[in-house]
Structures are given as C-alpha cells and as structure tokens.
Amino acid sequence: MKKVLFAFTAGASLLSLAACGGSAESEADSGDNNSSGEELSFYTSQPDEDANALIEAFNEAHPDIEVNLYRSGTEEVVSKVQAENQAGSVEADVLLLADSVTFESLKEQDLLQSYDSPEAENISEEFIDPDQMYYGTKAMATILAVNTNEVEEMPSSWKDLTAEETAGQTVMPSPLYSGAAAYNAGVISREEGLGWDFFENLSDNDVTIVQGNGGALQSVASGEKSYAMVVDFIAANAKAEGSPVELVYPEEGVPVITEPVGITEASDNVEASQAFVDFILSEEGQTLAADMGYTPLRDDVEVPEGLKTMDELQIMSQDVKTLLDSREEDKTTFSDITGAQ
C-alpha cells in the first residue's frame, strides 16, 4: 500500500501571514512583457509573497513566458478548477497545492497530465506520483508553535493541547479551508492513541479554529493564544524574525505534506508549463524554496536553520487512497465535532 509522505500552506514570514489566514483570493499578472506570446496560468495555495517570488525568479530564467497568478486556499482553488471543468474549460495550466490527497483526487478526475521532468532524478521516488502526474516540491511538517512569553514548560505531546491547563489557549487552521489541515485531520484521526477522540477533546478544551496556518500562527506570535497547530516553516521564520515562538515536534510524530505541483490535462501551454515545473524542481528552484524557509526535497540543497531534515522527522502517514476516499467524510466529522463551518 502506498504511504503518503508527500502531500498545509502558509506564509513565509509574518508579513505574509495575512495572505494565509484570510479567505480573500488574489488574481494578478506577473512577469515581463513577452514578445513570443508564451504564457501560462498558475493556480496555487501558496501565499502571494511566495508565489510572486517564484514567478519573478522563473522569469529571470524565462523572460519570454508570462505567468498569470490565481491564489487562494487549496479547497477554494480546487472548487474553481472543478467549476471551470464543468463549464467546459479549465483555465489553469499549472497547479501547486497543499497535499498529495488533493492531487490524487484531481488525478482520478482525469484533470492532470503526465510529465516526465528531467529534474525528477534529483527527487526521491517517494515524493513523485508513479504516473508522473505530480511532484512534491518541499517538505512541511505540522508542529506545535508555542509562545515563549506565555508558556514556561514546553509541551511534548499533541495530547498536551487537551489538558485543563491549556484550555482556551490553542488555535488551529480549518480542514474546511486548508488542504494541509484536511490532510492532518485524516492522518491524526487514524493515528493510534489519538484518533477522533483527540479532536473531540480539543473541542471540549475550547480550541479556536481559523481559516489558514498564517492566521493561527499570528494568534500565537501576538500572544493572543499560547499554542498553534501549524506548519513548521512559518513558525521557524517567525522565530528568526524575533517573534516569541518556539517549535515543538510532538513525540507521537508529525504529519508531513510536500505541496505538489502538476500540469492540468486541459493545458494548451504545455512547453511553458513543463519549463515552470522543471524550474520548481531544479537546484535553483529548490534553493529559492529553502531561502523562503521551506525544507527542500533535493539532497544538494541545505535545509533552513531551525527545521528538521526528512531523516530527522518521525512522520505520521496513512494510505493515500484511504485518505482520498474519506476526505469529505473526515471534513464532515471534524465539522460535527467542532462546529466549524
């Protein structure tokens, strides 16, 4: 059974947290004026700052390709793609979204095309779809971000969030908006010793649920809350920028996603789309990701300070088909337990 080791989106710094936490979408044209007429439409759940930095770096190497950006939460991006498909015309060429379960769903709907990227030889097979429909682009673990001004004794377990002394002090992103949070709900709810009981206990302990990872971290960095379930890189970036935040990797392990990238089946801009995917997976593209604070998937690119390498992580994983088949049911169960809408 294939295990998911690639599959939360968030801001690269506190300046981009608002983009992660809000529901507002953004649409913009990026890139130089091109003379060749090549262009591609890029849909992503990355924060605007990261997406625009990626486009800018890509255009330095490919100034003749114009990239049109659409950014929102993973669930909203997928809804847009499906609505376009039902209308008879998917406008996106390249998708870069939260997790592999999302891409498995798109793959089952025949919305992706296969591409054998020459850069794939530098990426571990565990992060590549066997049919080459999508590739992991980075590693992001969900951890506990803790406000060091409010908490003296660091937690060691996910269950510490359900203790009486932490009541009302935890915030998390919603699986109904964040693809990463949806992935986490699927994994943690099937983890022995945690399960749905963990979420029921969180709800009983007055957990606060916000849309995205950025909003969750912002609550902890500001001292409004003491604990957040967020992706590790935004917590590391906030800490590096001086926020009173410490990263805790719970002893039970952590869910990990890799924000895959893939080309839509409907794309009419195949060569430009392939060049974009190649750039993201290249040493230059992976170095850019590391500079943003993400853990790269290439061994020849160093991991940012403050984050664990893939070898150092104790990863929680579940069968990708199980997570795909149960995703909507999992979101409904989460909503029933927590009252999230």
Protein backbone atom coordinates (compact mmCIF):
# COMPACT_ATOMS: atom_id res chain seq x y z
CA MET A 1 0.00 0.00 0.00
CA LYS A 2 1.39 3.34 -0.96
CA LYS A 3 2.11 5.52 2.06
CA VAL A 4 1.75 9.26 1.92
CA LEU A 5 4.98 11.05 2.63
CA PHE A 6 4.13 13.91 0.35
CA ALA A 7 1.08 15.77 0.47
CA PHE A 8 -0.54 22.76 4.56
CA THR A 9 0.07 26.05 3.04
CA ALA A 10 1.16 29.08 4.93
CA GLY A 11 3.09 32.34 4.85
CA ALA A 12 6.85 32.52 4.60
CA SER A 13 7.01 35.30 7.18
CA LEU A 14 4.76 37.37 9.41
CA LEU A 15 4.42 39.80 6.50
CA SER A 16 2.64 37.08 4.52
CA LEU A 17 0.56 35.58 7.34
CA ALA A 18 -2.50 37.61 6.41
CA ALA A 19 -2.47 36.03 2.96
CA CYS A 20 -2.56 32.59 4.57
CA GLY A 21 -5.22 33.29 7.13
CA GLY A 22 -7.78 35.10 5.03
CA SER A 23 -10.32 33.86 2.57
CA ALA A 24 -9.73 36.58 0.01
CA GLU A 25 -8.35 35.37 -3.28
CA SER A 26 -5.92 37.24 -5.47
CA GLU A 27 -5.51 37.36 -9.20
CA ALA A 28 -2.59 39.15 -10.83
CA ASP A 29 -0.44 39.13 -13.91
CA SER A 30 3.28 38.66 -13.28
CA GLY A 31 6.36 38.55 -15.44
CA ASP A 32 7.94 40.68 -18.11
CA ASN A 33 6.18 41.74 -21.27
CA ASN A 34 6.86 38.83 -23.57
CA SER A 35 7.40 39.03 -27.27
CA SER A 36 6.85 35.36 -28.05
CA GLY A 37 3.28 35.23 -26.76
CA GLU A 38 4.01 32.29 -24.44
CA GLU A 39 2.07 32.36 -21.20
CA LEU A 40 0.68 30.10 -18.54
CA SER A 41 -1.97 30.30 -15.84
CA PHE A 42 -0.72 29.33 -12.39
CA TYR A 43 -3.19 28.40 -9.64
CA THR A 44 -1.74 27.97 -6.15
CA SER A 45 -2.48 27.98 -2.44
CA GLN A 46 0.92 29.48 -1.67
CA PRO A 47 0.81 32.93 -0.08
CA ASP A 48 1.08 35.79 -2.55
CA GLU A 49 4.59 36.74 -1.45
CA ASP A 50 5.96 33.24 -2.12
CA ALA A 51 4.09 32.81 -5.39
CA ASN A 52 5.27 36.16 -6.72
CA ALA A 53 8.86 35.44 -5.68
CA LEU A 54 8.68 32.13 -7.56
CA ILE A 55 7.30 33.81 -10.67
CA GLU A 56 9.92 36.55 -10.53
CA ALA A 57 12.76 34.01 -10.27
CA PHE A 58 11.27 31.92 -13.08
CA ASN A 59 11.02 34.99 -15.31
CA GLU A 60 14.69 35.74 -14.80
CA ALA A 61 15.39 32.39 -16.47
CA HIS A 62 12.41 32.55 -18.86
CA PRO A 63 11.62 36.22 -19.59
CA ASP A 64 9.57 35.21 -22.63
CA ILE A 65 6.90 33.39 -20.59
CA GLU A 66 4.17 35.41 -18.89
CA VAL A 67 2.72 33.82 -15.75
CA ASN A 68 -0.82 34.72 -14.69
CA LEU A 69 -1.43 34.04 -10.99
CA TYR A 70 -4.54 32.95 -9.11
CA ARG A 71 -4.10 32.37 -5.36
CA SER A 72 -6.50 31.19 -2.65
CA GLY A 73 -6.87 28.35 -0.15
CA THR A 74 -6.48 24.83 -1.51
CA GLU A 75 -10.15 23.97 -1.16
CA GLU A 76 -11.20 27.15 -2.98
CA VAL A 77 -8.66 26.61 -5.76
CA VAL A 78 -9.91 23.08 -6.31
CA SER A 79 -13.51 24.32 -6.36
CA LYS A 80 -12.55 26.85 -9.02
CA VAL A 81 -10.86 24.19 -11.16
CA GLN A 82 -13.86 21.88 -10.87
CA ALA A 83 -16.28 24.68 -11.71
CA GLU A 84 -14.21 25.54 -14.79
CA ASN A 85 -14.15 21.88 -15.77
CA GLN A 86 -17.92 21.62 -15.50
CA ALA A 87 -18.20 24.75 -17.62
CA GLY A 88 -16.09 23.02 -20.26
CA SER A 89 -12.79 24.87 -19.96
CA VAL A 90 -10.18 24.58 -17.20
CA GLU A 91 -8.17 27.79 -17.38
CA ALA A 92 -5.27 26.67 -15.15
CA ASP A 93 -2.10 25.27 -16.71
CA VAL A 94 -0.11 24.53 -13.56
CA LEU A 95 -1.40 23.73 -10.08
CA LEU A 96 0.69 23.91 -6.89
CA LEU A 97 -1.48 22.96 -3.92
CA ALA A 98 -1.23 21.62 -0.39
CA ASP A 99 -1.06 17.85 -0.44
CA SER A 100 -0.95 14.61 -2.39
CA VAL A 101 -4.51 13.66 -1.48
CA THR A 102 -5.74 16.74 -3.32
CA PHE A 103 -3.72 15.75 -6.37
CA GLU A 104 -4.92 12.13 -6.18
CA SER A 105 -8.47 13.45 -6.40
CA LEU A 106 -7.60 15.60 -9.43
CA LYS A 107 -5.83 12.61 -10.98
CA GLU A 108 -8.89 10.38 -10.50
CA GLN A 109 -10.98 13.03 -12.28
CA ASP A 110 -8.57 12.95 -15.25
CA LEU A 111 -7.69 16.61 -14.69
CA LEU A 112 -3.90 16.13 -14.77
CA GLN A 113 -1.44 15.13 -17.47
CA SER A 114 1.71 13.11 -17.10
CA TYR A 115 5.09 14.80 -17.45
CA ASP A 116 8.49 13.14 -17.05
CA SER A 117 10.54 16.03 -15.71
CA PRO A 118 14.31 15.66 -16.20
CA GLU A 119 14.70 17.22 -12.73
CA ALA A 120 12.87 14.27 -11.17
CA GLU A 121 16.07 12.23 -10.98
CA ASN A 122 17.13 14.51 -8.12
CA ILE A 123 13.91 13.94 -6.14
CA SER A 124 13.25 10.81 -4.08
CA GLU A 125 10.68 8.48 -5.66
CA GLU A 126 8.54 8.63 -2.52
CA PHE A 127 7.70 12.24 -3.40
CA ILE A 128 6.78 11.50 -7.03
CA ASP A 129 3.48 10.17 -8.34
CA PRO A 130 4.17 6.80 -10.04
CA ASP A 131 2.34 8.05 -13.14
CA GLN A 132 4.29 11.34 -13.05
CA MET A 133 1.12 13.37 -12.72
CA TYR A 134 2.56 15.44 -9.85
CA TYR A 135 5.77 16.01 -7.90
CA GLY A 136 6.40 17.08 -4.32
CA THR A 137 8.12 20.45 -4.15
CA LYS A 138 9.04 20.83 -0.45
CA ALA A 139 8.51 19.21 2.96
CA MET A 140 6.28 20.83 5.56
CA ALA A 141 5.60 19.18 8.91
CA THR A 142 2.75 20.23 11.16
CA ILE A 143 4.13 21.00 14.61
CA LEU A 144 3.25 22.95 17.73
CA ALA A 145 4.19 26.62 17.75
CA VAL A 146 4.39 27.84 21.34
CA ASN A 147 4.52 31.42 22.64
CA THR A 148 7.56 31.52 24.93
CA ASN A 149 6.29 34.62 26.76
CA GLU A 150 3.17 32.76 27.83
CA VAL A 151 4.47 29.21 28.34
CA GLU A 152 7.40 28.23 30.56
CA GLU A 153 7.29 24.44 30.23
CA MET A 154 7.22 23.29 26.61
CA PRO A 155 4.69 20.59 25.68
CA SER A 156 5.94 17.25 24.37
CA SER A 157 2.74 15.62 23.11
CA TRP A 158 -0.26 16.50 20.98
CA LYS A 159 -2.35 15.49 23.97
CA ASP A 160 -0.94 18.40 25.98
CA LEU A 161 -3.33 20.59 23.99
CA THR A 162 -6.26 18.80 25.62
CA ALA A 163 -5.08 19.31 29.22
CA GLU A 164 -7.04 21.51 31.62
CA GLU A 165 -4.17 23.99 31.95
CA THR A 166 -4.18 24.69 28.20
CA ALA A 167 -7.94 25.27 27.95
CA GLY A 168 -8.82 28.07 25.54
CA GLN A 169 -5.20 28.60 24.53
CA THR A 170 -4.95 26.55 21.31
CA VAL A 171 -5.62 27.67 17.73
CA MET A 172 -5.58 25.62 14.52
CA PRO A 173 -6.42 26.04 10.81
CA SER A 174 -9.66 24.64 9.46
CA PRO A 175 -9.72 21.46 7.33
CA LEU A 176 -12.68 23.05 5.54
CA TYR A 177 -10.35 25.70 4.07
CA SER A 178 -6.77 24.49 4.37
CA GLY A 179 -5.71 21.45 2.37
CA ALA A 180 -2.91 20.83 4.84
CA ALA A 181 -5.32 20.89 7.76
CA ALA A 182 -7.62 18.49 5.90
CA TYR A 183 -4.66 16.16 5.38
CA ASN A 184 -3.78 16.43 9.07
CA ALA A 185 -7.31 15.60 10.16
CA GLY A 186 -7.26 12.48 8.00
CA VAL A 187 -3.90 11.33 9.34
CA ILE A 188 -4.27 12.20 13.03
CA SER A 189 -7.81 10.78 13.23
CA ARG A 190 -6.36 7.40 12.17
CA GLU A 191 -3.31 7.56 14.42
CA GLU A 192 -3.38 5.04 17.26
CA GLY A 193 -3.59 6.83 20.60
CA LEU A 194 -5.07 9.99 19.07
CA GLY A 195 -7.95 9.39 16.66
CA TRP A 196 -11.14 11.41 16.61
CA ASP A 197 -11.01 11.41 20.42
CA PHE A 198 -8.16 13.90 20.13
CA PHE A 199 -10.32 16.34 18.16
CA GLU A 200 -13.27 15.82 20.49
CA ASN A 201 -11.01 16.61 23.46
CA LEU A 202 -9.61 19.65 21.61
CA SER A 203 -13.13 20.91 21.02
CA ASP A 204 -14.06 20.33 24.66
CA ASN A 205 -10.92 22.30 25.59
CA ASP A 206 -12.20 25.32 23.67
CA VAL A 207 -9.89 25.22 20.62
CA THR A 208 -10.11 28.22 18.27
CA ILE A 209 -10.38 27.42 14.56
CA VAL A 210 -9.26 29.91 11.91
CA GLN A 211 -9.04 29.54 8.15
CA GLY A 212 -5.33 29.21 7.45
CA ASN A 213 -1.98 28.44 9.04
CA GLY A 214 -0.96 32.09 8.84
CA GLY A 215 -3.84 33.26 10.97
CA ALA A 216 -3.15 30.51 13.52
CA LEU A 217 0.50 31.48 13.88
CA GLN A 218 -0.33 35.16 14.05
CA SER A 219 -2.52 34.45 17.09
CA VAL A 220 0.40 32.80 18.88
CA ALA A 221 3.06 35.28 17.80
CA SER A 222 0.91 38.14 19.11
CA GLY A 223 0.25 36.38 22.42
CA GLU A 224 -3.48 36.08 21.81
CA LYS A 225 -3.07 32.30 22.05
CA SER A 226 -0.27 30.17 23.51
CA TYR A 227 -0.29 27.14 21.18
CA ALA A 228 -0.89 26.64 17.45
CA MET A 229 -1.00 23.57 15.22
CA VAL A 230 0.84 24.93 12.18
CA VAL A 231 3.36 24.02 9.52
CA ASP A 232 6.90 24.22 10.82
CA PHE A 233 8.45 26.66 8.35
CA ILE A 234 6.20 29.61 9.20
CA ALA A 235 6.98 29.13 12.88
CA ALA A 236 10.72 28.95 12.13
CA ASN A 237 10.51 32.12 10.01
CA ALA A 238 8.61 33.97 12.72
CA LYS A 239 11.15 32.88 15.33
CA ALA A 240 14.03 34.03 13.11
CA GLU A 241 12.35 37.41 12.75
CA GLY A 242 12.19 37.84 16.53
CA SER A 243 8.74 36.57 17.43
CA PRO A 244 8.48 34.78 20.82
CA VAL A 245 7.81 31.44 19.16
CA GLU A 246 9.32 28.00 19.78
CA LEU A 247 8.84 24.91 17.60
CA VAL A 248 7.86 21.60 19.21
CA TYR A 249 7.80 18.33 17.26
CA PRO A 250 5.44 16.14 19.35
CA GLU A 251 6.65 12.73 20.46
CA GLU A 252 3.84 10.88 18.62
CA GLY A 253 5.16 12.16 15.30
CA VAL A 254 4.05 14.77 12.77
CA PRO A 255 2.03 14.81 9.54
CA VAL A 256 4.12 15.93 6.55
CA ILE A 257 2.96 17.38 3.25
CA THR A 258 5.03 18.40 0.23
CA GLU A 259 2.83 20.86 -1.68
CA PRO A 260 2.91 19.05 -5.04
CA VAL A 261 2.94 20.63 -8.48
CA GLY A 262 1.29 19.28 -11.61
CA ILE A 263 0.12 20.26 -15.11
CA THR A 264 -3.57 20.19 -15.99
CA GLU A 265 -4.83 17.91 -18.73
CA ALA A 266 -6.51 20.90 -20.34
CA SER A 267 -3.33 22.95 -20.66
CA ASP A 268 -2.68 24.42 -24.10
CA ASN A 269 0.65 25.83 -22.94
CA VAL A 270 2.46 22.57 -22.37
CA GLU A 271 6.04 23.65 -23.09
CA ALA A 272 5.78 26.70 -20.86
CA SER A 273 4.12 24.64 -18.13
CA GLN A 274 6.83 21.99 -18.31
CA ALA A 275 9.51 24.67 -18.05
CA PHE A 276 7.76 26.03 -14.95
CA VAL A 277 7.63 22.59 -13.29
CA ASP A 278 11.28 21.94 -14.18
CA PHE A 279 12.30 25.25 -12.61
CA ILE A 280 10.48 24.48 -9.35
CA LEU A 281 12.23 21.10 -9.09
CA SER A 282 15.64 22.38 -10.20
CA GLU A 283 18.50 23.19 -7.85
CA GLU A 284 17.77 26.89 -8.40
CA GLY A 285 14.08 26.45 -7.66
CA GLN A 286 14.73 24.33 -4.60
CA THR A 287 17.30 26.83 -3.33
CA LEU A 288 14.67 29.54 -3.72
CA ALA A 289 12.27 27.41 -1.64
CA ALA A 290 14.95 26.97 1.03
CA ASP A 291 15.60 30.72 1.03
CA MET A 292 11.89 31.22 1.71
CA GLY A 293 12.28 28.92 4.72
CA TYR A 294 10.95 25.64 3.29
CA THR A 295 12.63 22.25 3.63
CA PRO A 296 13.80 21.30 0.11
CA LEU A 297 13.43 17.80 -1.30
CA ARG A 298 16.77 17.76 -3.11
CA ASP A 299 19.76 16.44 -1.17
CA ASP A 300 22.04 19.01 -2.81
CA VAL A 301 20.17 21.93 -1.20
CA GLU A 302 20.61 22.70 2.50
CA VAL A 303 17.71 22.68 4.96
CA PRO A 304 16.96 26.11 6.51
CA GLU A 305 18.15 26.70 10.05
CA GLY A 306 15.63 25.71 12.71
CA LEU A 307 13.94 22.96 10.69
CA LYS A 308 14.46 19.21 10.78
CA THR A 309 15.58 17.22 7.77
CA MET A 310 13.38 14.44 6.44
CA ASP A 311 15.66 11.87 8.11
CA GLU A 312 15.17 13.55 11.47
CA LEU A 313 11.37 13.60 11.33
CA GLN A 314 9.11 10.97 12.86
CA ILE A 315 6.40 11.02 10.23
CA MET A 316 2.76 10.07 10.66
CA SER A 317 1.40 8.65 7.41
CA GLN A 318 -1.66 6.85 6.11
CA ASP A 319 -2.66 5.13 2.88
CA VAL A 320 -3.30 7.81 0.25
CA LYS A 321 -6.34 6.01 -1.20
CA THR A 322 -7.93 5.79 2.23
CA LEU A 323 -7.36 9.49 2.82
CA LEU A 324 -8.77 10.37 -0.59
CA ASP A 325 -11.88 8.21 -0.26
CA SER A 326 -12.62 9.53 3.24
CA ARG A 327 -11.69 13.21 2.85
CA GLU A 328 -15.20 14.63 2.59
CA GLU A 329 -16.43 12.36 5.37
CA ASP A 330 -13.46 13.42 7.51
CA LYS A 331 -14.26 17.10 6.98
CA THR A 332 -17.89 16.48 7.89
CA THR A 333 -16.86 14.60 11.04
CA PHE A 334 -14.50 17.42 12.01
CA SER A 335 -17.27 19.96 11.47
CA ASP A 336 -19.73 17.90 13.53
CA ILE A 337 -17.23 17.63 16.38
CA THR A 338 -16.00 21.22 16.47
CA GLY A 339 -18.87 23.18 14.97
CA ALA A 340 -16.54 24.61 12.31
CA GLN A 341 -18.30 25.89 9.20
